[in-house]
Amino acid sequence: MTPLRLLLARTVLVTLVAAPFAAAQPPARAEAETPAVAPAPAAAPRPDPPSPPSPRIEPADLVIANRTIASLRATRMGYSPAERAADAVHRINDVLEAGRSRSARALRVADGYRILLGDRAVFHVLDADVDGLAEQTPEQASTAAVKRLQEAVDAEWEQRQPWVIAWGTLFSLLATAVCAVVIVAAVKISGRIRRRVLRLPQVAALERLDDEMAAILRRPLVAARRCRTRRSSLSSSSCRSTSGRRSACGSSR
């Protein structure tokens, strides 16, 4: 066999042996040539919507007998500071009208101090009611509230006593009578002073001078009035004479 035929035979043999492998390789090459697709990024979780701002709680002062007992800043059992203050005023008035014991004291509870008037709880000083800026503890706040409440209740109790009301009415009548006497005396004294002043020669001279000045100032007015009266009289007389002449001429005709 010649070398050319031998080379040709080897080529055909290699082609026949490599054909199955070549048929299986194109899909792999196609997969290799296909670009890899990046996975889609996961969706980021949506943030929760902002919660609406909580309403601002307005503090309220508990006032008895024109005295501030305590400043209430927190809610309790759903009641606002203003409602707590109004309820406390109602409870304190009930105790005063019933004539019960007026001794004020504080009792420690879970959320603060309970303020009692006698044996009845009238309001609470909560831990949240204490102003942190004032550097005051709940115990100090409750002690001050008890002291002010006791003073206010004592003053209100005294004002409600019948004898206090009677004395107040009497003092009012006396003050009115004194004012009336003072006014009458002042009027009389001013009249006497005026009469004495008018009797002085200097004042009499001033009065005469005033009369003379008034007379001088009235002269032009008097002269003007006289001129007006003269003019009116002359005009009336001329009219009369003219009417007389006309009547005479008519009669002669």
C-alpha atoms as a PDB file:
ATOM      1  CA  MET A   1       0.000   0.000   0.000  1.00  0.00           C
ATOM      2  CA  THR A   2       1.308   3.329  -0.981  1.00  0.00           C
ATOM      3  CA  PRO A   3       1.800   6.078   1.600  1.00  0.00           C
ATOM      4  CA  LEU A   4      -0.939   8.155   0.024  1.00  0.00           C
ATOM      5  CA  ARG A   5      -3.505   5.440   0.347  1.00  0.00           C
ATOM      6  CA  LEU A   6      -2.354   4.748   3.890  1.00  0.00           C
ATOM      7  CA  LEU A   7      -2.832   8.398   4.854  1.00  0.00           C
ATOM      8  CA  LEU A   8      -6.256   8.452   3.238  1.00  0.00           C
ATOM      9  CA  ALA A   9      -7.290   5.314   5.066  1.00  0.00           C
ATOM     10  CA  ARG A  10      -6.178   6.783   8.426  1.00  0.00           C
ATOM     11  CA  THR A  11      -8.133   9.977   7.746  1.00  0.00           C
ATOM     12  CA  VAL A  12     -11.322   8.053   6.969  1.00  0.00           C
ATOM     13  CA  LEU A  13     -10.863   5.906  10.066  1.00  0.00           C
ATOM     14  CA  VAL A  14     -10.364   8.921  12.314  1.00  0.00           C
ATOM     15  CA  THR A  15     -13.436  10.602  10.809  1.00  0.00           C
ATOM     16  CA  LEU A  16     -15.608   7.555  11.406  1.00  0.00           C
ATOM     17  CA  VAL A  17     -14.399   7.189  14.993  1.00  0.00           C
ATOM     18  CA  ALA A  18     -14.815  10.924  15.875  1.00  0.00           C
ATOM     19  CA  ALA A  19     -18.245  11.347  14.244  1.00  0.00           C
ATOM     20  CA  PRO A  20     -20.311  10.152  17.268  1.00  0.00           C
ATOM     21  CA  PHE A  21     -18.363  12.377  19.588  1.00  0.00           C
ATOM     22  CA  ALA A  22     -18.814  15.377  17.282  1.00  0.00           C
ATOM     23  CA  ALA A  23     -22.582  14.824  17.182  1.00  0.00           C
ATOM     24  CA  ALA A  24     -22.758  14.943  20.985  1.00  0.00           C
ATOM     25  CA  GLN A  25     -20.491  17.985  21.421  1.00  0.00           C
ATOM     26  CA  PRO A  26     -22.554  20.811  19.702  1.00  0.00           C
ATOM     27  CA  PRO A  27     -25.236  21.103  22.435  1.00  0.00           C
ATOM     28  CA  ALA A  28     -22.518  21.436  25.032  1.00  0.00           C
ATOM     29  CA  ARG A  29     -20.846  24.132  22.992  1.00  0.00           C
ATOM     30  CA  ALA A  30     -24.159  25.873  22.490  1.00  0.00           C
ATOM     31  CA  GLU A  31     -24.756  25.830  26.212  1.00  0.00           C
ATOM     32  CA  ALA A  32     -21.266  27.156  26.784  1.00  0.00           C
ATOM     33  CA  GLU A  33     -21.771  29.906  24.220  1.00  0.00           C
ATOM     34  CA  THR A  34     -25.133  30.959  25.701  1.00  0.00           C
ATOM     35  CA  PRO A  35     -24.501  33.777  28.243  1.00  0.00           C
ATOM     36  CA  ALA A  36     -25.597  33.034  31.768  1.00  0.00           C
ATOM     37  CA  VAL A  37     -28.626  35.011  32.847  1.00  0.00           C
ATOM     38  CA  ALA A  38     -28.228  36.578  36.294  1.00  0.00           C
ATOM     39  CA  PRO A  39     -31.055  35.672  38.696  1.00  0.00           C
ATOM     40  CA  ALA A  40     -33.536  38.464  39.369  1.00  0.00           C
ATOM     41  CA  PRO A  41     -32.828  40.210  42.672  1.00  0.00           C
ATOM     42  CA  ALA A  42     -35.291  39.501  45.430  1.00  0.00           C
ATOM     43  CA  ALA A  43     -37.809  42.271  46.061  1.00  0.00           C
ATOM     44  CA  ALA A  44     -36.868  44.404  49.053  1.00  0.00           C
ATOM     45  CA  PRO A  45     -39.442  44.280  51.863  1.00  0.00           C
ATOM     46  CA  ARG A  46     -41.657  47.337  51.978  1.00  0.00           C
ATOM     47  CA  PRO A  47     -41.235  49.490  55.077  1.00  0.00           C
ATOM     48  CA  ASP A  48     -44.161  49.674  57.421  1.00  0.00           C
ATOM     49  CA  PRO A  49     -46.262  52.840  57.046  1.00  0.00           C
ATOM     50  CA  PRO A  50     -45.439  55.431  59.721  1.00  0.00           C
ATOM     51  CA  SER A  51     -47.788  55.286  62.627  1.00  0.00           C
ATOM     52  CA  PRO A  52     -49.845  58.463  63.215  1.00  0.00           C
ATOM     53  CA  PRO A  53     -48.397  60.714  65.909  1.00  0.00           C
ATOM     54  CA  SER A  54     -50.001  60.298  69.266  1.00  0.00           C
ATOM     55  CA  PRO A  55     -52.067  63.293  70.362  1.00  0.00           C
ATOM     56  CA  ARG A  56     -50.308  65.656  72.726  1.00  0.00           C
ATOM     57  CA  ILE A  57     -51.646  65.493  76.259  1.00  0.00           C
ATOM     58  CA  GLU A  58     -52.306  68.932  77.700  1.00  0.00           C
ATOM     59  CA  PRO A  59     -51.607  69.250  81.439  1.00  0.00           C
ATOM     60  CA  ALA A  60     -54.292  70.546  83.777  1.00  0.00           C
ATOM     61  CA  ASP A  61     -54.117  72.251  87.168  1.00  0.00           C
ATOM     62  CA  LEU A  62     -56.266  71.182  90.086  1.00  0.00           C
ATOM     63  CA  VAL A  63     -57.514  74.437  91.651  1.00  0.00           C
ATOM     64  CA  ILE A  64     -59.413  74.650  94.961  1.00  0.00           C
ATOM     65  CA  ALA A  65     -60.278  77.990  96.607  1.00  0.00           C
ATOM     66  CA  ASN A  66     -58.145  79.856  94.037  1.00  0.00           C
ATOM     67  CA  ARG A  67     -55.133  77.719  94.969  1.00  0.00           C
ATOM     68  CA  THR A  68     -53.302  75.328  92.664  1.00  0.00           C
ATOM     69  CA  ILE A  69     -53.100  71.981  94.438  1.00  0.00           C
ATOM     70  CA  ALA A  70     -51.284  69.917  91.808  1.00  0.00           C
ATOM     71  CA  SER A  71     -50.490  69.815  88.098  1.00  0.00           C
ATOM     72  CA  LEU A  72     -51.820  66.681  86.393  1.00  0.00           C
ATOM     73  CA  ARG A  73     -49.917  65.660  83.248  1.00  0.00           C
ATOM     74  CA  ALA A  74     -50.806  62.009  82.589  1.00  0.00           C
ATOM     75  CA  THR A  75     -53.915  60.044  81.739  1.00  0.00           C
ATOM     76  CA  ARG A  76     -55.324  57.434  84.113  1.00  0.00           C
ATOM     77  CA  MET A  77     -57.797  54.736  83.139  1.00  0.00           C
ATOM     78  CA  GLY A  78     -58.576  56.631  79.936  1.00  0.00           C
ATOM     79  CA  TYR A  79     -59.258  59.962  81.667  1.00  0.00           C
ATOM     80  CA  SER A  80     -57.337  63.017  80.496  1.00  0.00           C
ATOM     81  CA  PRO A  81     -55.676  65.413  82.961  1.00  0.00           C
ATOM     82  CA  ALA A  82     -58.530  67.909  82.563  1.00  0.00           C
ATOM     83  CA  GLU A  83     -61.123  65.227  83.321  1.00  0.00           C
ATOM     84  CA  ARG A  84     -59.137  64.052  86.322  1.00  0.00           C
ATOM     85  CA  ALA A  85     -58.974  67.605  87.676  1.00  0.00           C
ATOM     86  CA  ALA A  86     -62.734  68.139  87.208  1.00  0.00           C
ATOM     87  CA  ASP A  87     -63.492  64.826  88.948  1.00  0.00           C
ATOM     88  CA  ALA A  88     -61.196  65.767  91.842  1.00  0.00           C
ATOM     89  CA  VAL A  89     -62.964  69.118  92.319  1.00  0.00           C
ATOM     90  CA  HIS A  90     -66.324  67.317  92.370  1.00  0.00           C
ATOM     91  CA  ARG A  91     -65.124  64.809  94.968  1.00  0.00           C
ATOM     92  CA  ILE A  92     -63.619  67.495  97.209  1.00  0.00           C
ATOM     93  CA  ASN A  93     -66.833  69.556  97.105  1.00  0.00           C
ATOM     94  CA  ASP A  94     -68.828  66.456  98.035  1.00  0.00           C
ATOM     95  CA  VAL A  95     -66.621  65.927 101.080  1.00  0.00           C
ATOM     96  CA  LEU A  96     -66.990  69.574 102.148  1.00  0.00           C
ATOM     97  CA  GLU A  97     -70.771  69.592 101.689  1.00  0.00           C
ATOM     98  CA  ALA A  98     -71.136  66.349 103.619  1.00  0.00           C
ATOM     99  CA  GLY A  99     -69.204  67.806 106.566  1.00  0.00           C
ATOM    100  CA  ARG A 100     -66.851  64.863 106.771  1.00  0.00           C
ATOM    101  CA  SER A 101     -63.323  64.782 108.109  1.00  0.00           C
ATOM    102  CA  ARG A 102     -61.100  67.268 106.305  1.00  0.00           C
ATOM    103  CA  SER A 103     -57.765  65.651 107.111  1.00  0.00           C
ATOM    104  CA  ALA A 104     -55.690  65.183 103.952  1.00  0.00           C
ATOM    105  CA  ARG A 105     -53.121  62.428 103.567  1.00  0.00           C
ATOM    106  CA  ALA A 106     -51.275  60.456 100.880  1.00  0.00           C
ATOM    107  CA  LEU A 107     -51.228  56.687 100.381  1.00  0.00           C
ATOM    108  CA  ARG A 108     -48.686  54.894  98.202  1.00  0.00           C
ATOM    109  CA  VAL A 109     -50.171  52.816  95.347  1.00  0.00           C
ATOM    110  CA  ALA A 110     -48.727  51.021  92.321  1.00  0.00           C
ATOM    111  CA  ASP A 111     -48.736  53.955  89.902  1.00  0.00           C
ATOM    112  CA  GLY A 112     -48.156  56.820  92.319  1.00  0.00           C
ATOM    113  CA  TYR A 113     -49.854  58.260  95.398  1.00  0.00           C
ATOM    114  CA  ARG A 114     -53.528  58.302  96.265  1.00  0.00           C
ATOM    115  CA  ILE A 115     -54.630  61.530  97.973  1.00  0.00           C
ATOM    116  CA  LEU A 116     -57.369  61.038 100.540  1.00  0.00           C
ATOM    117  CA  LEU A 117     -59.545  63.609 102.254  1.00  0.00           C
ATOM    118  CA  GLY A 118     -60.719  61.892 105.394  1.00  0.00           C
ATOM    119  CA  ASP A 119     -61.548  58.345 104.303  1.00  0.00           C
ATOM    120  CA  ARG A 120     -62.364  59.177 100.671  1.00  0.00           C
ATOM    121  CA  ALA A 121     -59.912  59.200  97.781  1.00  0.00           C
ATOM    122  CA  VAL A 122     -60.211  62.489  95.883  1.00  0.00           C
ATOM    123  CA  PHE A 123     -57.416  62.245  93.278  1.00  0.00           C
ATOM    124  CA  HIS A 124     -54.072  60.616  92.454  1.00  0.00           C
ATOM    125  CA  VAL A 125     -50.603  62.018  91.970  1.00  0.00           C
ATOM    126  CA  LEU A 126     -49.112  59.636  89.406  1.00  0.00           C
ATOM    127  CA  ASP A 127     -45.451  59.048  88.786  1.00  0.00           C
ATOM    128  CA  ALA A 128     -46.021  60.369  85.258  1.00  0.00           C
ATOM    129  CA  ASP A 129     -47.473  63.608  86.682  1.00  0.00           C
ATOM    130  CA  VAL A 130     -44.133  64.607  88.175  1.00  0.00           C
ATOM    131  CA  ASP A 131     -42.206  67.177  86.172  1.00  0.00           C
ATOM    132  CA  GLY A 132     -38.769  65.745  85.525  1.00  0.00           C
ATOM    133  CA  LEU A 133     -37.319  69.174  84.796  1.00  0.00           C
ATOM    134  CA  ALA A 134     -38.175  70.300  88.314  1.00  0.00           C
ATOM    135  CA  GLU A 135     -36.098  67.444  89.790  1.00  0.00           C
ATOM    136  CA  GLN A 136     -39.009  66.475  92.034  1.00  0.00           C
ATOM    137  CA  THR A 137     -39.790  62.948  93.173  1.00  0.00           C
ATOM    138  CA  PRO A 138     -43.339  61.559  93.316  1.00  0.00           C
ATOM    139  CA  GLU A 139     -43.137  61.507  97.103  1.00  0.00           C
ATOM    140  CA  GLN A 140     -42.214  65.185  97.253  1.00  0.00           C
ATOM    141  CA  ALA A 141     -44.984  66.057  94.797  1.00  0.00           C
ATOM    142  CA  SER A 142     -47.588  64.158  96.823  1.00  0.00           C
ATOM    143  CA  THR A 143     -46.427  65.769 100.087  1.00  0.00           C
ATOM    144  CA  ALA A 144     -46.700  69.256  98.593  1.00  0.00           C
ATOM    145  CA  ALA A 145     -50.123  68.436  97.138  1.00  0.00           C
ATOM    146  CA  VAL A 146     -51.378  67.214 100.530  1.00  0.00           C
ATOM    147  CA  LYS A 147     -50.165  70.398 102.228  1.00  0.00           C
ATOM    148  CA  ARG A 148     -51.775  72.700  99.679  1.00  0.00           C
ATOM    149  CA  LEU A 149     -54.983  70.665  99.706  1.00  0.00           C
ATOM    150  CA  GLN A 150     -55.230  70.913 103.486  1.00  0.00           C
ATOM    151  CA  GLU A 151     -54.774  74.699 103.408  1.00  0.00           C
ATOM    152  CA  ALA A 152     -57.309  75.144 100.609  1.00  0.00           C
ATOM    153  CA  VAL A 153     -59.894  72.878 102.265  1.00  0.00           C
ATOM    154  CA  ASP A 154     -59.564  74.686 105.595  1.00  0.00           C
ATOM    155  CA  ALA A 155     -60.004  78.077 103.915  1.00  0.00           C
ATOM    156  CA  GLU A 156     -62.984  76.858 101.878  1.00  0.00           C
ATOM    157  CA  TRP A 157     -64.561  75.329 104.979  1.00  0.00           C
ATOM    158  CA  GLU A 158     -64.258  78.577 106.914  1.00  0.00           C
ATOM    159  CA  GLN A 159     -65.796  80.567 104.063  1.00  0.00           C
ATOM    160  CA  ARG A 160     -68.825  78.274 104.087  1.00  0.00           C
ATOM    161  CA  GLN A 161     -69.557  78.798 107.784  1.00  0.00           C
ATOM    162  CA  PRO A 162     -72.685  80.908 108.552  1.00  0.00           C
ATOM    163  CA  TRP A 163     -70.896  83.194 110.983  1.00  0.00           C
ATOM    164  CA  VAL A 164     -68.240  83.967 108.351  1.00  0.00           C
ATOM    165  CA  ILE A 165     -70.963  84.860 105.846  1.00  0.00           C
ATOM    166  CA  ALA A 166     -72.719  87.042 108.455  1.00  0.00           C
ATOM    167  CA  TRP A 167     -69.514  88.875 109.319  1.00  0.00           C
ATOM    168  CA  GLY A 168     -68.769  89.409 105.644  1.00  0.00           C
ATOM    169  CA  THR A 169     -72.223  90.892 105.067  1.00  0.00           C
ATOM    170  CA  LEU A 170     -71.870  93.152 108.110  1.00  0.00           C
ATOM    171  CA  PHE A 171     -68.471  94.407 107.005  1.00  0.00           C
ATOM    172  CA  SER A 172     -69.857  95.115 103.540  1.00  0.00           C
ATOM    173  CA  LEU A 173     -72.687  97.205 104.996  1.00  0.00           C
ATOM    174  CA  LEU A 174     -70.297  99.095 107.260  1.00  0.00           C
ATOM    175  CA  ALA A 175     -67.963  99.806 104.359  1.00  0.00           C
ATOM    176  CA  THR A 176     -70.878 101.111 102.283  1.00  0.00           C
ATOM    177  CA  ALA A 177     -72.026 103.381 105.116  1.00  0.00           C
ATOM    178  CA  VAL A 178     -68.513 104.731 105.663  1.00  0.00           C
ATOM    179  CA  CYS A 179     -68.166 105.494 101.945  1.00  0.00           C
ATOM    180  CA  ALA A 180     -71.497 107.352 101.946  1.00  0.00           C
ATOM    181  CA  VAL A 181     -70.456 109.441 104.975  1.00  0.00           C
ATOM    182  CA  VAL A 182     -67.121 110.275 103.396  1.00  0.00           C
ATOM    183  CA  ILE A 183     -68.778 111.377 100.136  1.00  0.00           C
ATOM    184  CA  VAL A 184     -71.301 113.617 101.936  1.00  0.00           C
ATOM    185  CA  ALA A 185     -68.578 115.174 104.090  1.00  0.00           C
ATOM    186  CA  ALA A 186     -66.413 115.815 101.042  1.00  0.00           C
ATOM    187  CA  VAL A 187     -69.288 117.572  99.252  1.00  0.00           C
ATOM    188  CA  LYS A 188     -70.007 119.772 102.266  1.00  0.00           C
ATOM    189  CA  ILE A 189     -66.366 120.657 102.805  1.00  0.00           C
ATOM    190  CA  SER A 190     -65.894 121.549  99.137  1.00  0.00           C
ATOM    191  CA  GLY A 191     -68.981 123.835  99.284  1.00  0.00           C
ATOM    192  CA  ARG A 192     -67.676 125.670 102.332  1.00  0.00           C
ATOM    193  CA  ILE A 193     -64.265 126.109 100.811  1.00  0.00           C
ATOM    194  CA  ARG A 194     -65.803 127.493  97.635  1.00  0.00           C
ATOM    195  CA  ARG A 195     -67.911 130.025  99.546  1.00  0.00           C
ATOM    196  CA  ARG A 196     -64.930 131.171 101.570  1.00  0.00           C
ATOM    197  CA  VAL A 197     -62.816 131.550  98.464  1.00  0.00           C
ATOM    198  CA  LEU A 198     -65.509 133.638  96.784  1.00  0.00           C
ATOM    199  CA  ARG A 199     -65.540 136.006  99.732  1.00  0.00           C
ATOM    200  CA  LEU A 200     -61.898 136.928  99.281  1.00  0.00           C
ATOM    201  CA  PRO A 201     -61.278 140.408  97.789  1.00  0.00           C
ATOM    202  CA  GLN A 202     -58.974 139.034  95.119  1.00  0.00           C
ATOM    203  CA  VAL A 203     -61.656 136.667  93.946  1.00  0.00           C
ATOM    204  CA  ALA A 204     -64.244 139.465  93.979  1.00  0.00           C
ATOM    205  CA  ALA A 205     -61.923 141.612  91.873  1.00  0.00           C
ATOM    206  CA  LEU A 206     -61.445 138.774  89.455  1.00  0.00           C
ATOM    207  CA  GLU A 207     -65.200 138.312  89.188  1.00  0.00           C
ATOM    208  CA  ARG A 208     -65.659 142.026  88.452  1.00  0.00           C
ATOM    209  CA  LEU A 209     -62.936 141.833  85.841  1.00  0.00           C
ATOM    210  CA  ASP A 210     -64.686 138.872  84.277  1.00  0.00           C
ATOM    211  CA  ASP A 211     -67.945 140.806  84.169  1.00  0.00           C
ATOM    212  CA  GLU A 212     -66.245 143.795  82.525  1.00  0.00           C
ATOM    213  CA  MET A 213     -64.537 141.611  79.966  1.00  0.00           C
ATOM    214  CA  ALA A 214     -67.816 139.892  79.211  1.00  0.00           C
ATOM    215  CA  ALA A 215     -69.507 143.285  78.772  1.00  0.00           C
ATOM    216  CA  ILE A 216     -66.722 144.448  76.434  1.00  0.00           C
ATOM    217  CA  LEU A 217     -67.028 141.304  74.387  1.00  0.00           C
ATOM    218  CA  ARG A 218     -70.781 141.674  74.222  1.00  0.00           C
ATOM    219  CA  ARG A 219     -70.641 145.253  72.865  1.00  0.00           C
ATOM    220  CA  PRO A 220     -69.968 144.278  69.237  1.00  0.00           C
ATOM    221  CA  LEU A 221     -72.794 141.791  69.394  1.00  0.00           C
ATOM    222  CA  VAL A 222     -75.155 144.399  70.822  1.00  0.00           C
ATOM    223  CA  ALA A 223     -74.144 146.912  68.145  1.00  0.00           C
ATOM    224  CA  ALA A 224     -74.704 144.349  65.419  1.00  0.00           C
ATOM    225  CA  ARG A 225     -78.142 143.560  66.767  1.00  0.00           C
ATOM    226  CA  ARG A 226     -79.025 147.283  66.853  1.00  0.00           C
ATOM    227  CA  CYS A 227     -77.899 147.701  63.261  1.00  0.00           C
ATOM    228  CA  ARG A 228     -80.024 144.781  62.202  1.00  0.00           C
ATOM    229  CA  THR A 229     -83.064 146.142  64.007  1.00  0.00           C
ATOM    230  CA  ARG A 230     -82.547 149.608  62.422  1.00  0.00           C
ATOM    231  CA  ARG A 231     -82.233 148.110  58.956  1.00  0.00           C
ATOM    232  CA  SER A 232     -85.320 146.022  59.442  1.00  0.00           C
ATOM    233  CA  SER A 233     -87.283 149.033  60.718  1.00  0.00           C
ATOM    234  CA  LEU A 234     -86.122 151.219  57.794  1.00  0.00           C
ATOM    235  CA  SER A 235     -87.016 148.559  55.277  1.00  0.00           C
ATOM    236  CA  SER A 236     -90.450 148.078  56.801  1.00  0.00           C
ATOM    237  CA  SER A 237     -91.118 151.868  56.838  1.00  0.00           C
ATOM    238  CA  SER A 238     -90.007 152.238  53.206  1.00  0.00           C
ATOM    239  CA  CYS A 239     -92.294 149.406  52.215  1.00  0.00           C
ATOM    240  CA  ARG A 240     -95.179 151.046  54.022  1.00  0.00           C
ATOM    241  CA  SER A 241     -94.567 154.390  52.331  1.00  0.00           C
ATOM    242  CA  THR A 242     -94.372 152.762  48.927  1.00  0.00           C
ATOM    243  CA  SER A 243     -97.608 150.877  49.477  1.00  0.00           C
ATOM    244  CA  GLY A 244     -99.300 154.161  50.655  1.00  0.00           C
ATOM    245  CA  ARG A 245     -98.225 155.997  47.529  1.00  0.00           C
ATOM    246  CA  ARG A 246     -99.517 153.243  45.324  1.00  0.00           C
ATOM    247  CA  SER A 247    -102.878 153.270  47.084  1.00  0.00           C
ATOM    248  CA  ALA A 248    -103.107 157.114  46.743  1.00  0.00           C
ATOM    249  CA  CYS A 249    -102.392 156.951  43.032  1.00  0.00           C
ATOM    250  CA  GLY A 250    -105.053 154.340  42.585  1.00  0.00           C
ATOM    251  CA  SER A 251    -107.684 156.419  44.352  1.00  0.00           C
ATOM    252  CA  SER A 252    -106.867 159.528  42.287  1.00  0.00           C
ATOM    253  CA  ARG A 253    -107.359 157.599  39.093  1.00  0.00           C
END
